[in-house]
């Protein structure tokens, strides 16, 4: 199952390498920074919307169906974008990468998550971290690969089109592996205990997944009626906004930030910075989500939001005085960003159970859609306005960094408001377990 999940998430994680395409598109098609961010923004919006509306279909039709839909949409989105670049019709790039590819992002993102939780219910944070780690690490592959393809095929419209074409075909093949590998865990009736030998003393047959801890179950419909869901929505939205603002503009941001320093950042070094952020994003997903199994979900979100605000403050105050400080703080922020994504499915499971966690997770990802617009809009709009006013270097981004600090403080407060779900929202048996008191998520009591 982990390789099946990773084959999908490593592919769709290419979205985090979009900043590599921004300078060539701006130069070839005469776009502003805000305009060149539109395909990425729309892709994240469609990710959240397709996950919200498709979450129930994923639960009903299974992960193989979902992964197949994701592979078709994501790869065909690149092909439409290639046509748009070749014909200089930017709206086709937006339609292909943003709308069609964005649907593939959303369905592909949630398809393995609930399945992995069912395979490893005793370690939900680690299980989801394994899959979602791939989404964060996708840009680690895509960033240098995209830069290399653009260097070989050209940064003019024809070269960009050929790059999109090659990537779309390659991802179609790679994602198909996940479609072929994915399985759902057998039930206890289908698979006897591992200690029971097969007929004739043969080797033991496959076993069911470990039992999930006994907890109350909440349907997707009822989850939307709880304050816990909306507190987590604010938490995820603010954490994602703070991270995606850097990630979407990573390559041009690091170049702008140190444009007047003694050692300006080259285009290849900027692409390397994107790769480093992707590595931090990827490692944060597995490290912090695994940590949440031990420390509790609420506690790790206190770390993401509180320490994240501190990192932004350090960058804003230091300016271009220290390149290692900027890179280090940005890497920590992206590790928190990735960790927030990987931890939230387990947080939802602690609060609402496994009954319809895939559908609940899909609805929660509308927070990602909102953040996908807010983060790039805040950073790009402020940078464009400051540049028009004659500002350069760190002055382009300092204001947006203080906006991010304010958002993280709001998210921190929302996380503190999370409490156990009231029993009136629980499902009756056989889906739920009647409990005398609500079940608390790890760390919620603190």
Foldseek 3Di string as FASTA:
>chain_A
DLLLLLLLQLLLLLLLLLLLLQVLCCVQLVDASLVSLLLSLLLLLLLLVLLQVCLVVCVVVALLVLLLQLLVQQLQLLLQLLVCLLVSNVVSNSCSSRHSNSSSNNSSLLSCLLQQCQQAVLQSLLSLLSNLLSSLQSLLVNLVVLVVQCVVQHSHSNSSSVSSNVSSVVSSVSSVVSSVPDDHFDDCVVAPDQVDADPPRHHHDDHGHDDHPAAFAFDLVLLVVFLQLVLLLLLLLLLQLLLVLCSSNQLVQQQQQCVPPPDGADNVNSSVLNSLLSNLLSVLSNVLSSVCSPQNLLVSSLVLLVVLLVLLVVCLVCGSVDPVSVSVSSSPSSSSNNNSLSNVLLQCCQARNSLSSSNNNSNSSSSSSVSSCNNNCLLSVQLVVCVVVPDTHRVSGSVSSVVSSVSSVSSNVSSLPNFHDAQVRTDDPPRTDDDPGGGTGTPNVD
